[in-house]
All heavy atoms as atom14 arrays in JSON, in Angstrom:
{
  "sequence": "GFDAGKEIDLSKLDGTWRLQYTSAPDVVVLFESAARLPFFQVGQIFQK",
  "atom14_mask": [
    [1, 1, 1, 1, 0, 0, 0, 0, 0, 0, 0, 0, 0, 0],
    [1, 1, 1, 1, 1, 1, 1, 1, 1, 1, 1, 0, 0, 0],
    [1, 1, 1, 1, 1, 1, 1, 1, 0, 0, 0, 0, 0, 0],
    [1, 1, 1, 1, 1, 0, 0, 0, 0, 0, 0, 0, 0, 0],
    [1, 1, 1, 1, 0, 0, 0, 0, 0, 0, 0, 0, 0, 0],
    [1, 1, 1, 1, 1, 1, 1, 1, 1, 0, 0, 0, 0, 0],
    [1, 1, 1, 1, 1, 1, 1, 1, 1, 0, 0, 0, 0, 0],
    [1, 1, 1, 1, 1, 1, 1, 1, 0, 0, 0, 0, 0, 0],
    [1, 1, 1, 1, 1, 1, 1, 1, 0, 0, 0, 0, 0, 0],
    [1, 1, 1, 1, 1, 1, 1, 1, 0, 0, 0, 0, 0, 0],
    [1, 1, 1, 1, 1, 1, 0, 0, 0, 0, 0, 0, 0, 0],
    [1, 1, 1, 1, 1, 1, 1, 1, 1, 0, 0, 0, 0, 0],
    [1, 1, 1, 1, 1, 1, 1, 1, 0, 0, 0, 0, 0, 0],
    [1, 1, 1, 1, 1, 1, 1, 1, 0, 0, 0, 0, 0, 0],
    [1, 1, 1, 1, 0, 0, 0, 0, 0, 0, 0, 0, 0, 0],
    [1, 1, 1, 1, 1, 1, 1, 0, 0, 0, 0, 0, 0, 0],
    [1, 1, 1, 1, 1, 1, 1, 1, 1, 1, 1, 1, 1, 1],
    [1, 1, 1, 1, 1, 1, 1, 1, 1, 1, 1, 0, 0, 0],
    [1, 1, 1, 1, 1, 1, 1, 1, 0, 0, 0, 0, 0, 0],
    [1, 1, 1, 1, 1, 1, 1, 1, 1, 0, 0, 0, 0, 0],
    [1, 1, 1, 1, 1, 1, 1, 1, 1, 1, 1, 1, 0, 0],
    [1, 1, 1, 1, 1, 1, 1, 0, 0, 0, 0, 0, 0, 0],
    [1, 1, 1, 1, 1, 1, 0, 0, 0, 0, 0, 0, 0, 0],
    [1, 1, 1, 1, 1, 0, 0, 0, 0, 0, 0, 0, 0, 0],
    [1, 1, 1, 1, 1, 1, 1, 0, 0, 0, 0, 0, 0, 0],
    [1, 1, 1, 1, 1, 1, 1, 1, 0, 0, 0, 0, 0, 0],
    [1, 1, 1, 1, 1, 1, 1, 0, 0, 0, 0, 0, 0, 0],
    [1, 1, 1, 1, 1, 1, 1, 0, 0, 0, 0, 0, 0, 0],
    [1, 1, 1, 1, 1, 1, 1, 0, 0, 0, 0, 0, 0, 0],
    [1, 1, 1, 1, 1, 1, 1, 1, 0, 0, 0, 0, 0, 0],
    [1, 1, 1, 1, 1, 1, 1, 1, 1, 1, 1, 0, 0, 0],
    [1, 1, 1, 1, 1, 1, 1, 1, 1, 0, 0, 0, 0, 0],
    [1, 1, 1, 1, 1, 1, 0, 0, 0, 0, 0, 0, 0, 0],
    [1, 1, 1, 1, 1, 0, 0, 0, 0, 0, 0, 0, 0, 0],
    [1, 1, 1, 1, 1, 0, 0, 0, 0, 0, 0, 0, 0, 0],
    [1, 1, 1, 1, 1, 1, 1, 1, 1, 1, 1, 0, 0, 0],
    [1, 1, 1, 1, 1, 1, 1, 1, 0, 0, 0, 0, 0, 0],
    [1, 1, 1, 1, 1, 1, 1, 0, 0, 0, 0, 0, 0, 0],
    [1, 1, 1, 1, 1, 1, 1, 1, 1, 1, 1, 0, 0, 0],
    [1, 1, 1, 1, 1, 1, 1, 1, 1, 1, 1, 0, 0, 0],
    [1, 1, 1, 1, 1, 1, 1, 1, 1, 0, 0, 0, 0, 0],
    [1, 1, 1, 1, 1, 1, 1, 0, 0, 0, 0, 0, 0, 0],
    [1, 1, 1, 1, 0, 0, 0, 0, 0, 0, 0, 0, 0, 0],
    [1, 1, 1, 1, 1, 1, 1, 1, 1, 0, 0, 0, 0, 0],
    [1, 1, 1, 1, 1, 1, 1, 1, 0, 0, 0, 0, 0, 0],
    [1, 1, 1, 1, 1, 1, 1, 1, 1, 1, 1, 0, 0, 0],
    [1, 1, 1, 1, 1, 1, 1, 1, 1, 0, 0, 0, 0, 0],
    [1, 1, 1, 1, 1, 1, 1, 1, 1, 0, 0, 0, 0, 0]
  ],
  "atom14_positions": [
    [[-40.26, 31.11, 17.51], [-41.1, 30.23, 16.71], [-42.49, 30.02, 17.28], [-43.43, 29.71, 16.55], [0.0, 0.0, 0.0], [0.0, 0.0, 0.0], [0.0, 0.0, 0.0], [0.0, 0.0, 0.0], [0.0, 0.0, 0.0], [0.0, 0.0, 0.0], [0.0, 0.0, 0.0], [0.0, 0.0, 0.0], [0.0, 0.0, 0.0], [0.0, 0.0, 0.0]],
    [[-42.64, 30.17, 18.59], [-43.95, 29.99, 19.22], [-44.88, 31.17, 18.94], [-46.09, 31.07, 19.16], [-43.79, 29.84, 20.74], [-43.24, 28.51, 21.17], [-41.88, 28.29, 21.25], [-44.1, 27.47, 21.5], [-41.37, 27.06, 21.65], [-43.61, 26.23, 21.9], [-42.23, 26.03, 21.98], [0.0, 0.0, 0.0], [0.0, 0.0, 0.0], [0.0, 0.0, 0.0]],
    [[-44.33, 32.28, 18.49], [-45.12, 33.51, 18.32], [-45.03, 34.04, 16.9], [-45.41, 35.17, 16.63], [-44.58, 34.57, 19.31], [-45.57, 35.69, 19.56], [-46.78, 35.43, 19.59], [-45.13, 36.84, 19.72], [0.0, 0.0, 0.0], [0.0, 0.0, 0.0], [0.0, 0.0, 0.0], [0.0, 0.0, 0.0], [0.0, 0.0, 0.0], [0.0, 0.0, 0.0]],
    [[-44.53, 33.22, 15.99], [-44.26, 33.68, 14.64], [-45.54, 34.09, 13.9], [-46.56, 33.42, 13.99], [-43.55, 32.58, 13.84], [0.0, 0.0, 0.0], [0.0, 0.0, 0.0], [0.0, 0.0, 0.0], [0.0, 0.0, 0.0], [0.0, 0.0, 0.0], [0.0, 0.0, 0.0], [0.0, 0.0, 0.0], [0.0, 0.0, 0.0], [0.0, 0.0, 0.0]],
    [[-45.46, 35.22, 13.19], [-46.56, 35.66, 12.34], [-47.66, 36.44, 13.03], [-48.51, 37.02, 12.36], [0.0, 0.0, 0.0], [0.0, 0.0, 0.0], [0.0, 0.0, 0.0], [0.0, 0.0, 0.0], [0.0, 0.0, 0.0], [0.0, 0.0, 0.0], [0.0, 0.0, 0.0], [0.0, 0.0, 0.0], [0.0, 0.0, 0.0], [0.0, 0.0, 0.0]],
    [[-47.67, 36.47, 14.35], [-48.73, 37.18, 15.07], [-48.42, 38.67, 15.14], [-47.27, 39.07, 15.27], [-48.87, 36.62, 16.49], [-49.28, 35.17, 16.55], [-49.37, 34.69, 17.99], [-49.71, 33.21, 18.06], [-49.73, 32.71, 19.46], [0.0, 0.0, 0.0], [0.0, 0.0, 0.0], [0.0, 0.0, 0.0], [0.0, 0.0, 0.0], [0.0, 0.0, 0.0]],
    [[-49.46, 39.47, 15.06], [-49.29, 40.91, 15.15], [-49.05, 41.32, 16.6], [-49.6, 40.73, 17.53], [-50.53, 41.63, 14.6], [-50.36, 43.13, 14.48], [-51.49, 43.78, 13.71], [-52.35, 43.05, 13.19], [-51.51, 45.03, 13.62], [0.0, 0.0, 0.0], [0.0, 0.0, 0.0], [0.0, 0.0, 0.0], [0.0, 0.0, 0.0], [0.0, 0.0, 0.0]],
    [[-48.21, 42.34, 16.79], [-47.9, 42.8, 18.13], [-49.14, 43.35, 18.82], [-49.88, 44.15, 18.24], [-46.81, 43.9, 18.08], [-45.45, 43.27, 17.79], [-46.73, 44.68, 19.39], [-44.95, 42.34, 18.88], [0.0, 0.0, 0.0], [0.0, 0.0, 0.0], [0.0, 0.0, 0.0], [0.0, 0.0, 0.0], [0.0, 0.0, 0.0], [0.0, 0.0, 0.0]],
    [[-49.36, 42.9, 20.04], [-50.48, 43.37, 20.87], [-49.95, 44.52, 21.73], [-49.2, 44.3, 22.68], [-51.0, 42.22, 21.73], [-52.23, 42.61, 22.54], [-52.51, 43.82, 22.68], [-52.91, 41.7, 23.06], [0.0, 0.0, 0.0], [0.0, 0.0, 0.0], [0.0, 0.0, 0.0], [0.0, 0.0, 0.0], [0.0, 0.0, 0.0], [0.0, 0.0, 0.0]],
    [[-50.34, 45.75, 21.41], [-49.81, 46.91, 22.13], [-50.21, 46.92, 23.59], [-49.5, 47.48, 24.43], [-50.26, 48.2, 21.45], [-49.69, 48.46, 20.05], [-50.13, 49.82, 19.53], [-48.17, 48.36, 20.05], [0.0, 0.0, 0.0], [0.0, 0.0, 0.0], [0.0, 0.0, 0.0], [0.0, 0.0, 0.0], [0.0, 0.0, 0.0], [0.0, 0.0, 0.0]],
    [[-51.34, 46.31, 23.93], [-51.74, 46.25, 25.33], [-50.79, 45.37, 26.14], [-50.56, 45.61, 27.33], [-53.19, 45.73, 25.46], [-53.29, 44.39, 24.99], [0.0, 0.0, 0.0], [0.0, 0.0, 0.0], [0.0, 0.0, 0.0], [0.0, 0.0, 0.0], [0.0, 0.0, 0.0], [0.0, 0.0, 0.0], [0.0, 0.0, 0.0], [0.0, 0.0, 0.0]],
    [[-50.21, 44.35, 25.5], [-49.21, 43.51, 26.16], [-47.86, 44.22, 26.2], [-47.11, 44.09, 27.17], [-49.04, 42.17, 25.42], [-50.14, 41.17, 25.65], [-49.79, 39.87, 24.95], [-50.88, 38.82, 25.11], [-50.54, 37.56, 24.41], [0.0, 0.0, 0.0], [0.0, 0.0, 0.0], [0.0, 0.0, 0.0], [0.0, 0.0, 0.0], [0.0, 0.0, 0.0]],
    [[-47.56, 44.96, 25.15], [-46.27, 45.66, 25.07], [-46.18, 46.76, 26.1], [-45.1, 47.05, 26.63], [-46.08, 46.22, 23.66], [-44.77, 46.93, 23.35], [-43.59, 45.98, 23.51], [-44.8, 47.53, 21.95], [0.0, 0.0, 0.0], [0.0, 0.0, 0.0], [0.0, 0.0, 0.0], [0.0, 0.0, 0.0], [0.0, 0.0, 0.0], [0.0, 0.0, 0.0]],
    [[-47.29, 47.39, 26.39], [-47.31, 48.5, 27.35], [-46.75, 48.08, 28.7], [-47.08, 47.02, 29.23], [-48.76, 48.99, 27.53], [-48.86, 50.19, 28.44], [-48.64, 51.32, 27.96], [-49.15, 50.01, 29.64], [0.0, 0.0, 0.0], [0.0, 0.0, 0.0], [0.0, 0.0, 0.0], [0.0, 0.0, 0.0], [0.0, 0.0, 0.0], [0.0, 0.0, 0.0]],
    [[-45.87, 48.92, 29.27], [-45.3, 48.62, 30.58], [-43.79, 48.72, 30.58], [-43.17, 49.23, 29.65], [0.0, 0.0, 0.0], [0.0, 0.0, 0.0], [0.0, 0.0, 0.0], [0.0, 0.0, 0.0], [0.0, 0.0, 0.0], [0.0, 0.0, 0.0], [0.0, 0.0, 0.0], [0.0, 0.0, 0.0], [0.0, 0.0, 0.0], [0.0, 0.0, 0.0]],
    [[-43.2, 48.23, 31.66], [-41.75, 48.34, 31.87], [-41.08, 46.99, 31.7], [-41.54, 45.98, 32.24], [-41.46, 48.88, 33.29], [-42.14, 50.14, 33.46], [-39.97, 49.08, 33.51], [0.0, 0.0, 0.0], [0.0, 0.0, 0.0], [0.0, 0.0, 0.0], [0.0, 0.0, 0.0], [0.0, 0.0, 0.0], [0.0, 0.0, 0.0], [0.0, 0.0, 0.0]],
    [[-39.97, 46.99, 30.95], [-39.23, 45.77, 30.65], [-37.77, 45.94, 31.07], [-37.14, 46.94, 30.74], [-39.31, 45.44, 29.16], [-40.71, 45.26, 28.67], [-41.55, 46.24, 28.22], [-41.45, 44.03, 28.6], [-42.77, 45.7, 27.86], [-42.73, 44.35, 28.08], [-41.14, 42.71, 28.9], [-43.7, 43.37, 27.88], [-42.11, 41.73, 28.7], [-43.38, 42.07, 28.19]],
    [[-37.24, 44.95, 31.8], [-35.86, 45.0, 32.28], [-34.94, 44.24, 31.32], [-35.24, 43.1, 30.93], [-35.77, 44.37, 33.67], [-34.38, 44.49, 34.33], [-34.28, 43.56, 35.53], [-35.41, 43.67, 36.43], [-35.51, 44.56, 37.42], [-34.5, 45.39, 37.64], [-36.58, 44.59, 38.19], [0.0, 0.0, 0.0], [0.0, 0.0, 0.0], [0.0, 0.0, 0.0]],
    [[-33.81, 44.85, 30.97], [-32.85, 44.21, 30.07], [-32.11, 43.08, 30.78], [-31.52, 43.27, 31.83], [-31.83, 45.25, 29.56], [-30.77, 44.7, 28.6], [-31.39, 44.31, 27.26], [-29.65, 45.73, 28.39], [0.0, 0.0, 0.0], [0.0, 0.0, 0.0], [0.0, 0.0, 0.0], [0.0, 0.0, 0.0], [0.0, 0.0, 0.0], [0.0, 0.0, 0.0]],
    [[-32.14, 41.89, 30.16], [-31.41, 40.74, 30.67], [-30.18, 40.42, 29.83], [-29.18, 39.9, 30.35], [-32.33, 39.51, 30.69], [-33.58, 39.67, 31.54], [-33.28, 39.78, 33.03], [-32.18, 39.46, 33.48], [-34.25, 40.26, 33.8], [0.0, 0.0, 0.0], [0.0, 0.0, 0.0], [0.0, 0.0, 0.0], [0.0, 0.0, 0.0], [0.0, 0.0, 0.0]],
    [[-30.24, 40.78, 28.55], [-29.11, 40.49, 27.66], [-29.23, 41.33, 26.4], [-30.33, 41.6, 25.91], [-29.09, 39.02, 27.27], [-28.09, 38.7, 26.16], [-26.75, 38.5, 26.46], [-28.5, 38.64, 24.82], [-25.82, 38.24, 25.44], [-27.59, 38.38, 23.81], [-26.25, 38.18, 24.13], [-25.35, 37.93, 23.13], [0.0, 0.0, 0.0], [0.0, 0.0, 0.0]],
    [[-28.08, 41.75, 25.87], [-28.05, 42.39, 24.56], [-26.7, 42.18, 23.91], [-25.69, 41.99, 24.6], [-28.34, 43.9, 24.67], [-28.41, 44.45, 23.34], [-27.24, 44.62, 25.44], [0.0, 0.0, 0.0], [0.0, 0.0, 0.0], [0.0, 0.0, 0.0], [0.0, 0.0, 0.0], [0.0, 0.0, 0.0], [0.0, 0.0, 0.0], [0.0, 0.0, 0.0]],
    [[-26.7, 42.24, 22.59], [-25.45, 42.23, 21.83], [-25.28, 43.55, 21.1], [-24.37, 43.69, 20.28], [-25.45, 41.06, 20.83], [-26.52, 41.2, 19.9], [0.0, 0.0, 0.0], [0.0, 0.0, 0.0], [0.0, 0.0, 0.0], [0.0, 0.0, 0.0], [0.0, 0.0, 0.0], [0.0, 0.0, 0.0], [0.0, 0.0, 0.0], [0.0, 0.0, 0.0]],
    [[-26.16, 44.52, 21.38], [-26.1, 45.82, 20.72], [-24.83, 46.57, 21.12], [-24.61, 46.81, 22.31], [-27.33, 46.65, 21.08], [0.0, 0.0, 0.0], [0.0, 0.0, 0.0], [0.0, 0.0, 0.0], [0.0, 0.0, 0.0], [0.0, 0.0, 0.0], [0.0, 0.0, 0.0], [0.0, 0.0, 0.0], [0.0, 0.0, 0.0], [0.0, 0.0, 0.0]],
    [[-23.99, 46.95, 20.17], [-22.72, 47.61, 20.5], [-22.87, 48.88, 21.32], [-22.06, 49.16, 22.2], [-22.12, 47.91, 19.12], [-22.77, 46.94, 18.19], [-24.15, 46.75, 18.72], [0.0, 0.0, 0.0], [0.0, 0.0, 0.0], [0.0, 0.0, 0.0], [0.0, 0.0, 0.0], [0.0, 0.0, 0.0], [0.0, 0.0, 0.0], [0.0, 0.0, 0.0]],
    [[-23.93, 49.68, 21.05], [-24.08, 50.95, 21.75], [-24.5, 50.76, 23.21], [-24.42, 51.7, 24.01], [-25.06, 51.86, 21.03], [-26.42, 51.21, 20.81], [-26.52, 49.98, 20.96], [-27.38, 51.92, 20.5], [0.0, 0.0, 0.0], [0.0, 0.0, 0.0], [0.0, 0.0, 0.0], [0.0, 0.0, 0.0], [0.0, 0.0, 0.0], [0.0, 0.0, 0.0]],
    [[-24.93, 49.56, 23.58], [-25.26, 49.27, 24.98], [-24.1, 48.53, 25.64], [-23.72, 48.84, 26.78], [-26.55, 48.44, 25.09], [-26.87, 48.14, 26.56], [-27.72, 49.17, 24.43], [0.0, 0.0, 0.0], [0.0, 0.0, 0.0], [0.0, 0.0, 0.0], [0.0, 0.0, 0.0], [0.0, 0.0, 0.0], [0.0, 0.0, 0.0], [0.0, 0.0, 0.0]],
    [[-23.53, 47.58, 24.93], [-22.4, 46.81, 25.48], [-21.24, 47.73, 25.83], [-20.53, 47.5, 26.82], [-21.96, 45.72, 24.48], [-20.68, 45.02, 24.96], [-23.07, 44.68, 24.28], [0.0, 0.0, 0.0], [0.0, 0.0, 0.0], [0.0, 0.0, 0.0], [0.0, 0.0, 0.0], [0.0, 0.0, 0.0], [0.0, 0.0, 0.0], [0.0, 0.0, 0.0]],
    [[-21.05, 48.81, 25.07], [-19.95, 49.73, 25.36], [-20.12, 50.38, 26.73], [-19.13, 50.71, 27.4], [-19.83, 50.81, 24.25], [-21.01, 51.78, 24.29], [-18.52, 51.56, 24.37], [0.0, 0.0, 0.0], [0.0, 0.0, 0.0], [0.0, 0.0, 0.0], [0.0, 0.0, 0.0], [0.0, 0.0, 0.0], [0.0, 0.0, 0.0], [0.0, 0.0, 0.0]],
    [[-21.36, 50.54, 27.2], [-21.59, 51.07, 28.54], [-21.1, 50.08, 29.59], [-20.46, 50.47, 30.58], [-23.08, 51.35, 28.74], [-23.72, 52.44, 27.88], [-25.21, 52.52, 28.15], [-23.06, 53.78, 28.13], [0.0, 0.0, 0.0], [0.0, 0.0, 0.0], [0.0, 0.0, 0.0], [0.0, 0.0, 0.0], [0.0, 0.0, 0.0], [0.0, 0.0, 0.0]],
    [[-21.39, 48.79, 29.38], [-20.93, 47.77, 30.31], [-19.4, 47.68, 30.31], [-18.79, 47.52, 31.37], [-21.53, 46.41, 29.94], [-23.03, 46.38, 29.91], [-23.71, 45.56, 29.01], [-23.78, 47.16, 30.78], [-25.09, 45.53, 28.98], [-25.17, 47.13, 30.75], [-25.83, 46.32, 29.85], [0.0, 0.0, 0.0], [0.0, 0.0, 0.0], [0.0, 0.0, 0.0]],
    [[-18.81, 47.8, 29.13], [-17.36, 47.75, 29.03], [-16.72, 48.94, 29.75], [-15.7, 48.79, 30.44], [-16.95, 47.74, 27.56], [-17.32, 46.46, 26.83], [-17.06, 46.53, 25.34], [-16.89, 47.67, 24.82], [-17.02, 45.47, 24.69], [0.0, 0.0, 0.0], [0.0, 0.0, 0.0], [0.0, 0.0, 0.0], [0.0, 0.0, 0.0], [0.0, 0.0, 0.0]],
    [[-17.32, 50.12, 29.61], [-16.79, 51.31, 30.28], [-16.88, 51.17, 31.79], [-15.95, 51.52, 32.52], [-17.57, 52.55, 29.82], [-17.42, 52.75, 28.43], [0.0, 0.0, 0.0], [0.0, 0.0, 0.0], [0.0, 0.0, 0.0], [0.0, 0.0, 0.0], [0.0, 0.0, 0.0], [0.0, 0.0, 0.0], [0.0, 0.0, 0.0], [0.0, 0.0, 0.0]],
    [[-18.0, 50.64, 32.27], [-18.17, 50.46, 33.71], [-17.19, 49.44, 34.26], [-16.71, 49.56, 35.39], [-19.61, 50.03, 34.01], [0.0, 0.0, 0.0], [0.0, 0.0, 0.0], [0.0, 0.0, 0.0], [0.0, 0.0, 0.0], [0.0, 0.0, 0.0], [0.0, 0.0, 0.0], [0.0, 0.0, 0.0], [0.0, 0.0, 0.0], [0.0, 0.0, 0.0]],
    [[-16.88, 48.41, 33.47], [-15.92, 47.39, 33.91], [-14.5, 47.92, 33.92], [-13.67, 47.49, 34.73], [-16.01, 46.16, 33.0], [0.0, 0.0, 0.0], [0.0, 0.0, 0.0], [0.0, 0.0, 0.0], [0.0, 0.0, 0.0], [0.0, 0.0, 0.0], [0.0, 0.0, 0.0], [0.0, 0.0, 0.0], [0.0, 0.0, 0.0], [0.0, 0.0, 0.0]],
    [[-14.22, 48.9, 33.04], [-12.87, 49.41, 32.9], [-12.6, 50.64, 33.78], [-11.48, 50.83, 34.25], [-12.62, 49.76, 31.43], [-11.2, 50.15, 31.09], [-10.99, 50.26, 29.6], [-11.87, 51.24, 28.98], [-12.92, 50.96, 28.21], [-13.22, 49.71, 27.96], [-13.65, 51.91, 27.68], [0.0, 0.0, 0.0], [0.0, 0.0, 0.0], [0.0, 0.0, 0.0]],
    [[-13.63, 51.46, 33.99], [-13.45, 52.71, 34.71], [-13.96, 52.6, 36.14], [-15.14, 52.3, 36.35], [-14.18, 53.85, 33.98], [-13.8, 54.06, 32.52], [-14.69, 55.1, 31.88], [-12.33, 54.47, 32.41], [0.0, 0.0, 0.0], [0.0, 0.0, 0.0], [0.0, 0.0, 0.0], [0.0, 0.0, 0.0], [0.0, 0.0, 0.0], [0.0, 0.0, 0.0]],
    [[-13.13, 52.85, 37.14], [-13.57, 52.71, 38.54], [-14.56, 53.78, 38.98], [-15.21, 53.63, 40.02], [-12.25, 52.82, 39.33], [-11.35, 53.61, 38.44], [-11.71, 53.23, 37.04], [0.0, 0.0, 0.0], [0.0, 0.0, 0.0], [0.0, 0.0, 0.0], [0.0, 0.0, 0.0], [0.0, 0.0, 0.0], [0.0, 0.0, 0.0], [0.0, 0.0, 0.0]],
    [[-14.67, 54.87, 38.24], [-15.54, 55.97, 38.65], [-16.89, 55.96, 37.92], [-17.63, 56.93, 37.95], [-14.85, 57.32, 38.41], [-14.37, 57.52, 36.99], [-15.23, 57.97, 35.99], [-13.05, 57.25, 36.67], [-14.78, 58.14, 34.71], [-12.6, 57.44, 35.36], [-13.45, 57.88, 34.38], [0.0, 0.0, 0.0], [0.0, 0.0, 0.0], [0.0, 0.0, 0.0]],
    [[-17.21, 54.84, 37.26], [-18.46, 54.77, 36.51], [-19.15, 53.43, 36.75], [-18.52, 52.38, 36.65], [-18.19, 54.96, 35.02], [-19.41, 54.93, 34.14], [-20.46, 55.81, 34.33], [-19.52, 53.99, 33.12], [-21.58, 55.78, 33.53], [-20.63, 53.95, 32.31], [-21.67, 54.85, 32.52], [0.0, 0.0, 0.0], [0.0, 0.0, 0.0], [0.0, 0.0, 0.0]],
    [[-20.43, 53.47, 37.09], [-21.22, 52.26, 37.3], [-22.48, 52.31, 36.44], [-23.08, 53.38, 36.28], [-21.63, 52.12, 38.77], [-20.51, 51.87, 39.74], [-21.01, 51.78, 41.17], [-22.09, 52.26, 41.5], [-20.23, 51.15, 42.04], [0.0, 0.0, 0.0], [0.0, 0.0, 0.0], [0.0, 0.0, 0.0], [0.0, 0.0, 0.0], [0.0, 0.0, 0.0]],
    [[-22.86, 51.17, 35.92], [-24.12, 51.06, 35.19], [-25.04, 50.12, 35.96], [-24.68, 48.97, 36.21], [-23.89, 50.52, 33.76], [-25.23, 50.34, 33.04], [-23.0, 51.46, 32.97], [0.0, 0.0, 0.0], [0.0, 0.0, 0.0], [0.0, 0.0, 0.0], [0.0, 0.0, 0.0], [0.0, 0.0, 0.0], [0.0, 0.0, 0.0], [0.0, 0.0, 0.0]],
    [[-26.19, 50.64, 36.33], [-27.17, 49.83, 37.05], [-28.13, 49.15, 36.09], [-27.75, 48.72, 35.0], [0.0, 0.0, 0.0], [0.0, 0.0, 0.0], [0.0, 0.0, 0.0], [0.0, 0.0, 0.0], [0.0, 0.0, 0.0], [0.0, 0.0, 0.0], [0.0, 0.0, 0.0], [0.0, 0.0, 0.0], [0.0, 0.0, 0.0], [0.0, 0.0, 0.0]],
    [[-29.39, 49.09, 36.47], [-30.4, 48.43, 35.64], [-30.74, 49.28, 34.41], [-30.67, 50.51, 34.43], [-31.67, 48.18, 36.45], [-31.48, 47.24, 37.63], [-31.11, 45.84, 37.19], [-31.43, 45.4, 36.09], [-30.44, 45.11, 38.07], [0.0, 0.0, 0.0], [0.0, 0.0, 0.0], [0.0, 0.0, 0.0], [0.0, 0.0, 0.0], [0.0, 0.0, 0.0]],
    [[-31.08, 48.57, 33.33], [-31.51, 49.22, 32.09], [-32.91, 48.72, 31.75], [-33.18, 47.51, 31.82], [-30.53, 48.92, 30.94], [-29.16, 49.52, 31.27], [-31.05, 49.47, 29.62], [-28.1, 49.25, 30.19], [0.0, 0.0, 0.0], [0.0, 0.0, 0.0], [0.0, 0.0, 0.0], [0.0, 0.0, 0.0], [0.0, 0.0, 0.0], [0.0, 0.0, 0.0]],
    [[-33.78, 49.65, 31.4], [-35.18, 49.31, 31.13], [-35.62, 49.9, 29.79], [-35.04, 50.87, 29.3], [-36.11, 49.86, 32.21], [-35.79, 49.43, 33.61], [-34.93, 50.18, 34.4], [-36.35, 48.28, 34.14], [-34.63, 49.79, 35.7], [-36.06, 47.88, 35.44], [-35.21, 48.63, 36.22], [0.0, 0.0, 0.0], [0.0, 0.0, 0.0], [0.0, 0.0, 0.0]],
    [[-36.69, 49.32, 29.25], [-37.47, 49.95, 28.2], [-38.89, 50.08, 28.73], [-39.48, 49.11, 29.19], [-37.47, 49.14, 26.9], [-36.29, 49.42, 26.0], [-36.46, 48.87, 24.6], [-37.28, 47.99, 24.35], [-35.68, 49.37, 23.66], [0.0, 0.0, 0.0], [0.0, 0.0, 0.0], [0.0, 0.0, 0.0], [0.0, 0.0, 0.0], [0.0, 0.0, 0.0]],
    [[-39.4, 51.3, 28.66], [-40.76, 51.56, 29.15], [-41.63, 51.99, 27.98], [-41.43, 53.06, 27.41], [-40.75, 52.63, 30.24], [-42.11, 52.87, 30.9], [-41.99, 53.88, 32.04], [-43.28, 53.96, 32.85], [-44.4, 54.52, 32.06], [0.0, 0.0, 0.0], [0.0, 0.0, 0.0], [0.0, 0.0, 0.0], [0.0, 0.0, 0.0], [0.0, 0.0, 0.0]]
  ]
}
């Protein structure tokens, strides 16, 4: 609500962003696999 209606500033968007939370099924399934499988680990996830 603090940023509603404003156009995205690409100069601010540029750079690296670290994932803190998601509900996206295609990402959560990676966390579930890592929790279930002892031979698989998921580290940090970023969007650049």
